[in-house]
Amino acid sequence: MAWDAGARRVEVQSDSRTAIQLLQSATEFHPHRTMISTARQLLQREWQVNIVHTFREGNFVADFLTSQGHGYPIGNHPFLGSNPNLLHWLFYDRVGVAVPRLVNV
């Protein structure tokens, strides 16, 4: 979607270090190799893509959209329209609301 919109400098944030490692490593034998291969092909286009790890609490909008996406079939589903909850999380991300992260030691 970013490519089609004309974006040529993109930052991809993921709360999954494993997903980032799979995209950056030479893994060929993986149950999700087709999806990994497709993502790698996208990354090889003529653009700058920076993939970074973020904690789930660092991007409320992405976390919200992910939780909403569990009800959809696999595929690309652009989010159209306004959702009061989405606007709430956009505001939190914009002003930099911090949420403590609980870590088991």
N, C-alpha and C. Protein backbone atom coordinates (compact mmCIF):
# COMPACT_ATOMS: atom_id res chain seq x y z
N MET A 1 0.82 -1.18 0.00
CA MET A 1 0.00 0.00 0.00
C MET A 1 0.87 1.25 0.00
N ALA A 2 1.98 1.22 0.75
CA ALA A 2 2.88 2.37 0.79
C ALA A 2 3.50 2.60 -0.59
N TRP A 3 3.90 1.52 -1.25
CA TRP A 3 4.49 1.63 -2.59
C TRP A 3 3.48 2.24 -3.56
N ASP A 4 2.27 1.73 -3.54
CA ASP A 4 1.22 2.22 -4.45
C ASP A 4 0.87 3.68 -4.18
N ALA A 5 1.06 4.13 -2.94
CA ALA A 5 0.78 5.52 -2.58
C ALA A 5 1.94 6.44 -2.95
N GLY A 6 3.05 5.86 -3.45
CA GLY A 6 4.19 6.66 -3.88
C GLY A 6 5.25 6.87 -2.81
N ALA A 7 5.10 6.26 -1.66
CA ALA A 7 6.10 6.40 -0.60
C ALA A 7 7.37 5.66 -1.01
N ARG A 8 8.52 6.30 -0.87
CA ARG A 8 9.78 5.66 -1.22
C ARG A 8 10.76 5.65 -0.06
N ARG A 9 10.37 6.21 1.06
CA ARG A 9 11.13 6.13 2.31
C ARG A 9 10.14 5.73 3.38
N VAL A 10 10.28 4.50 3.87
CA VAL A 10 9.29 3.93 4.77
C VAL A 10 9.98 3.33 5.99
N GLU A 11 9.34 3.52 7.14
CA GLU A 11 9.79 2.83 8.35
C GLU A 11 8.71 1.82 8.72
N VAL A 12 9.13 0.57 8.86
CA VAL A 12 8.23 -0.50 9.26
C VAL A 12 8.56 -0.83 10.71
N GLN A 13 7.55 -0.76 11.57
CA GLN A 13 7.74 -1.08 12.97
C GLN A 13 7.04 -2.40 13.26
N SER A 14 7.72 -3.25 14.01
CA SER A 14 7.14 -4.53 14.40
C SER A 14 7.47 -4.82 15.85
N ASP A 15 6.49 -5.40 16.55
CA ASP A 15 6.78 -5.80 17.93
C ASP A 15 7.26 -7.25 17.98
N SER A 16 7.52 -7.83 16.81
CA SER A 16 7.99 -9.21 16.74
C SER A 16 9.44 -9.24 16.26
N ARG A 17 10.34 -9.45 17.21
CA ARG A 17 11.76 -9.58 16.82
C ARG A 17 11.96 -10.79 15.91
N THR A 18 11.18 -11.83 16.13
CA THR A 18 11.28 -13.03 15.30
C THR A 18 10.94 -12.71 13.85
N ALA A 19 9.87 -11.96 13.63
CA ALA A 19 9.49 -11.59 12.26
C ALA A 19 10.59 -10.78 11.59
N ILE A 20 11.17 -9.84 12.32
CA ILE A 20 12.25 -9.03 11.77
C ILE A 20 13.44 -9.91 11.40
N GLN A 21 13.81 -10.83 12.28
CA GLN A 21 14.93 -11.72 12.02
C GLN A 21 14.66 -12.61 10.81
N LEU A 22 13.43 -13.08 10.65
CA LEU A 22 13.09 -13.91 9.49
C LEU A 22 13.23 -13.13 8.19
N LEU A 23 12.87 -11.86 8.20
CA LEU A 23 13.00 -11.03 6.99
C LEU A 23 14.46 -10.75 6.67
N GLN A 24 15.28 -10.65 7.69
CA GLN A 24 16.68 -10.26 7.49
C GLN A 24 17.63 -11.44 7.37
N SER A 25 17.16 -12.66 7.62
CA SER A 25 18.05 -13.82 7.56
C SER A 25 17.80 -14.60 6.26
N ALA A 26 18.61 -15.61 6.04
CA ALA A 26 18.51 -16.41 4.82
C ALA A 26 17.69 -17.68 5.06
N THR A 27 16.65 -17.57 5.85
CA THR A 27 15.80 -18.72 6.16
C THR A 27 15.01 -19.15 4.93
N GLU A 28 15.18 -20.40 4.51
CA GLU A 28 14.43 -20.90 3.35
C GLU A 28 13.44 -21.98 3.75
N PHE A 29 13.69 -22.66 4.85
CA PHE A 29 12.82 -23.75 5.27
C PHE A 29 12.03 -23.32 6.50
N HIS A 30 10.91 -22.72 6.25
CA HIS A 30 10.05 -22.21 7.32
C HIS A 30 8.60 -22.42 6.90
N PRO A 31 7.71 -22.73 7.83
CA PRO A 31 6.31 -22.95 7.45
C PRO A 31 5.66 -21.76 6.75
N HIS A 32 6.17 -20.55 6.99
CA HIS A 32 5.61 -19.35 6.37
C HIS A 32 6.54 -18.79 5.29
N ARG A 33 7.29 -19.67 4.64
CA ARG A 33 8.29 -19.21 3.67
C ARG A 33 7.69 -18.43 2.51
N THR A 34 6.47 -18.73 2.11
CA THR A 34 5.85 -18.00 1.00
C THR A 34 5.61 -16.54 1.40
N MET A 35 5.09 -16.33 2.59
CA MET A 35 4.85 -14.97 3.07
C MET A 35 6.17 -14.23 3.28
N ILE A 36 7.16 -14.92 3.81
CA ILE A 36 8.47 -14.30 4.03
C ILE A 36 9.09 -13.91 2.69
N SER A 37 9.01 -14.78 1.71
CA SER A 37 9.55 -14.51 0.38
C SER A 37 8.85 -13.31 -0.27
N THR A 38 7.54 -13.24 -0.12
CA THR A 38 6.78 -12.12 -0.69
C THR A 38 7.22 -10.80 -0.03
N ALA A 39 7.38 -10.82 1.29
CA ALA A 39 7.83 -9.61 1.99
C ALA A 39 9.23 -9.21 1.55
N ARG A 40 10.11 -10.17 1.37
CA ARG A 40 11.48 -9.87 0.92
C ARG A 40 11.47 -9.27 -0.48
N GLN A 41 10.60 -9.76 -1.35
CA GLN A 41 10.50 -9.19 -2.69
C GLN A 41 10.06 -7.73 -2.63
N LEU A 42 9.15 -7.42 -1.73
CA LEU A 42 8.73 -6.02 -1.55
C LEU A 42 9.89 -5.16 -1.07
N LEU A 43 10.70 -5.71 -0.17
CA LEU A 43 11.82 -4.95 0.38
C LEU A 43 12.90 -4.68 -0.67
N GLN A 44 12.97 -5.50 -1.72
CA GLN A 44 14.00 -5.34 -2.75
C GLN A 44 13.66 -4.30 -3.82
N ARG A 45 12.49 -3.72 -3.74
CA ARG A 45 12.12 -2.67 -4.69
C ARG A 45 13.02 -1.45 -4.49
N GLU A 46 12.90 -0.51 -5.43
CA GLU A 46 13.72 0.70 -5.39
C GLU A 46 13.15 1.71 -4.39
N TRP A 47 13.39 1.43 -3.11
CA TRP A 47 12.97 2.34 -2.05
C TRP A 47 13.79 2.08 -0.81
N GLN A 48 13.70 2.97 0.15
CA GLN A 48 14.42 2.81 1.41
C GLN A 48 13.41 2.35 2.46
N VAL A 49 13.65 1.16 3.00
CA VAL A 49 12.78 0.62 4.05
C VAL A 49 13.64 0.33 5.27
N ASN A 50 13.27 0.94 6.36
CA ASN A 50 13.95 0.72 7.63
C ASN A 50 13.02 -0.10 8.51
N ILE A 51 13.46 -1.29 8.91
CA ILE A 51 12.65 -2.16 9.76
C ILE A 51 13.19 -2.07 11.18
N VAL A 52 12.32 -1.68 12.11
CA VAL A 52 12.75 -1.50 13.49
C VAL A 52 11.81 -2.23 14.44
N HIS A 53 12.38 -2.64 15.55
CA HIS A 53 11.58 -3.27 16.60
C HIS A 53 11.00 -2.19 17.50
N THR A 54 9.75 -2.35 17.86
CA THR A 54 9.12 -1.48 18.85
C THR A 54 8.28 -2.36 19.76
N PHE A 55 8.14 -1.93 20.97
CA PHE A 55 7.25 -2.67 21.86
C PHE A 55 5.81 -2.35 21.50
N ARG A 56 4.94 -3.27 21.77
CA ARG A 56 3.52 -3.10 21.46
C ARG A 56 3.00 -1.77 22.02
N GLU A 57 3.47 -1.40 23.18
CA GLU A 57 3.02 -0.16 23.81
C GLU A 57 3.55 1.09 23.09
N GLY A 58 4.50 0.90 22.18
CA GLY A 58 5.08 2.03 21.46
C GLY A 58 4.28 2.48 20.26
N ASN A 59 3.28 1.72 19.87
CA ASN A 59 2.47 2.08 18.71
C ASN A 59 1.05 1.59 18.95
N PHE A 60 0.27 2.42 19.62
CA PHE A 60 -1.09 2.05 19.98
C PHE A 60 -1.97 1.78 18.75
N VAL A 61 -1.78 2.58 17.69
CA VAL A 61 -2.60 2.42 16.49
C VAL A 61 -2.36 1.06 15.85
N ALA A 62 -1.10 0.68 15.70
CA ALA A 62 -0.79 -0.63 15.10
C ALA A 62 -1.35 -1.75 15.96
N ASP A 63 -1.23 -1.63 17.26
CA ASP A 63 -1.76 -2.65 18.16
C ASP A 63 -3.28 -2.75 18.03
N PHE A 64 -3.95 -1.61 17.95
CA PHE A 64 -5.41 -1.58 17.80
C PHE A 64 -5.82 -2.24 16.47
N LEU A 65 -5.16 -1.85 15.38
CA LEU A 65 -5.52 -2.40 14.06
C LEU A 65 -5.24 -3.90 14.00
N THR A 66 -4.17 -4.34 14.64
CA THR A 66 -3.87 -5.77 14.68
C THR A 66 -4.97 -6.52 15.40
N SER A 67 -5.41 -5.98 16.52
CA SER A 67 -6.48 -6.66 17.27
C SER A 67 -7.78 -6.69 16.48
N GLN A 68 -8.03 -5.66 15.68
CA GLN A 68 -9.23 -5.63 14.84
C GLN A 68 -9.12 -6.61 13.67
N GLY A 69 -7.90 -6.83 13.19
CA GLY A 69 -7.68 -7.66 12.02
C GLY A 69 -7.88 -9.15 12.24
N HIS A 70 -7.94 -9.58 13.48
CA HIS A 70 -8.12 -11.01 13.74
C HIS A 70 -9.45 -11.53 13.21
N GLY A 71 -10.40 -10.66 12.98
CA GLY A 71 -11.70 -11.10 12.49
C GLY A 71 -11.80 -11.16 10.98
N TYR A 72 -10.73 -10.79 10.27
CA TYR A 72 -10.74 -10.76 8.81
C TYR A 72 -10.02 -11.98 8.23
N PRO A 73 -10.40 -12.39 7.02
CA PRO A 73 -9.64 -13.46 6.37
C PRO A 73 -8.25 -12.95 5.97
N ILE A 74 -7.33 -13.88 5.70
CA ILE A 74 -5.98 -13.50 5.30
C ILE A 74 -6.06 -12.68 4.02
N GLY A 75 -5.29 -11.61 3.98
CA GLY A 75 -5.27 -10.75 2.80
C GLY A 75 -5.11 -9.30 3.21
N ASN A 76 -5.19 -8.42 2.24
CA ASN A 76 -5.02 -6.99 2.45
C ASN A 76 -6.40 -6.36 2.60
N HIS A 77 -6.62 -5.69 3.71
CA HIS A 77 -7.91 -5.06 3.98
C HIS A 77 -7.68 -3.61 4.42
N PRO A 78 -7.67 -2.68 3.45
CA PRO A 78 -7.48 -1.28 3.83
C PRO A 78 -8.55 -0.84 4.82
N PHE A 79 -8.13 -0.08 5.80
CA PHE A 79 -9.05 0.39 6.83
C PHE A 79 -9.61 1.73 6.38
N LEU A 80 -10.87 1.73 6.01
CA LEU A 80 -11.51 2.96 5.54
C LEU A 80 -12.57 3.39 6.55
N GLY A 81 -12.69 4.67 6.72
CA GLY A 81 -13.68 5.18 7.65
C GLY A 81 -13.06 5.57 8.97
N SER A 82 -13.84 6.23 9.79
CA SER A 82 -13.31 6.64 11.08
C SER A 82 -13.91 5.77 12.17
N ASN A 83 -13.11 5.51 13.14
CA ASN A 83 -13.51 4.72 14.28
C ASN A 83 -13.13 5.52 15.52
N PRO A 84 -14.08 5.78 16.41
CA PRO A 84 -13.75 6.59 17.60
C PRO A 84 -12.58 6.02 18.39
N ASN A 85 -12.47 4.70 18.47
CA ASN A 85 -11.34 4.09 19.19
C ASN A 85 -10.03 4.35 18.48
N LEU A 86 -10.04 4.31 17.15
CA LEU A 86 -8.82 4.58 16.39
C LEU A 86 -8.37 6.02 16.62
N LEU A 87 -9.30 6.95 16.60
CA LEU A 87 -8.95 8.35 16.83
C LEU A 87 -8.35 8.53 18.22
N HIS A 88 -8.86 7.81 19.17
CA HIS A 88 -8.34 7.84 20.54
C HIS A 88 -6.87 7.40 20.56
N TRP A 89 -6.56 6.28 19.90
CA TRP A 89 -5.19 5.77 19.88
C TRP A 89 -4.27 6.65 19.04
N LEU A 90 -4.79 7.25 17.98
CA LEU A 90 -3.98 8.20 17.20
C LEU A 90 -3.53 9.36 18.08
N PHE A 91 -4.46 9.85 18.89
CA PHE A 91 -4.12 10.95 19.80
C PHE A 91 -3.04 10.52 20.78
N TYR A 92 -3.18 9.34 21.36
CA TYR A 92 -2.17 8.84 22.30
C TYR A 92 -0.80 8.73 21.64
N ASP A 93 -0.76 8.19 20.42
CA ASP A 93 0.52 8.08 19.72
C ASP A 93 1.10 9.46 19.42
N ARG A 94 0.24 10.39 19.03
CA ARG A 94 0.70 11.73 18.65
C ARG A 94 1.32 12.48 19.83
N VAL A 95 0.69 12.39 20.99
CA VAL A 95 1.20 13.14 22.14
C VAL A 95 2.25 12.37 22.93
N GLY A 96 2.46 11.11 22.58
CA GLY A 96 3.52 10.32 23.22
C GLY A 96 3.16 9.79 24.59
N VAL A 97 1.94 9.34 24.75
CA VAL A 97 1.52 8.77 26.03
C VAL A 97 2.38 7.55 26.34
N ALA A 98 2.88 7.48 27.54
CA ALA A 98 3.71 6.36 27.96
C ALA A 98 2.89 5.42 28.84
N VAL A 99 3.06 4.13 28.61
CA VAL A 99 2.38 3.11 29.40
C VAL A 99 3.46 2.20 29.98
N PRO A 100 3.45 2.00 31.29
CA PRO A 100 4.45 1.11 31.88
C PRO A 100 4.36 -0.30 31.31
N ARG A 101 5.48 -0.92 31.10
CA ARG A 101 5.53 -2.28 30.58
C ARG A 101 5.92 -3.21 31.73
N LEU A 102 5.11 -4.22 31.97
CA LEU A 102 5.42 -5.19 33.02
C LEU A 102 6.31 -6.27 32.44
N VAL A 103 7.41 -6.53 33.10
CA VAL A 103 8.38 -7.53 32.64
C VAL A 103 8.59 -8.53 33.75
N ASN A 104 8.42 -9.79 33.44
CA ASN A 104 8.70 -10.87 34.40
C ASN A 104 10.20 -11.14 34.41
N VAL A 105 10.77 -11.17 35.57
CA VAL A 105 12.21 -11.41 35.67
C VAL A 105 12.46 -12.78 36.25
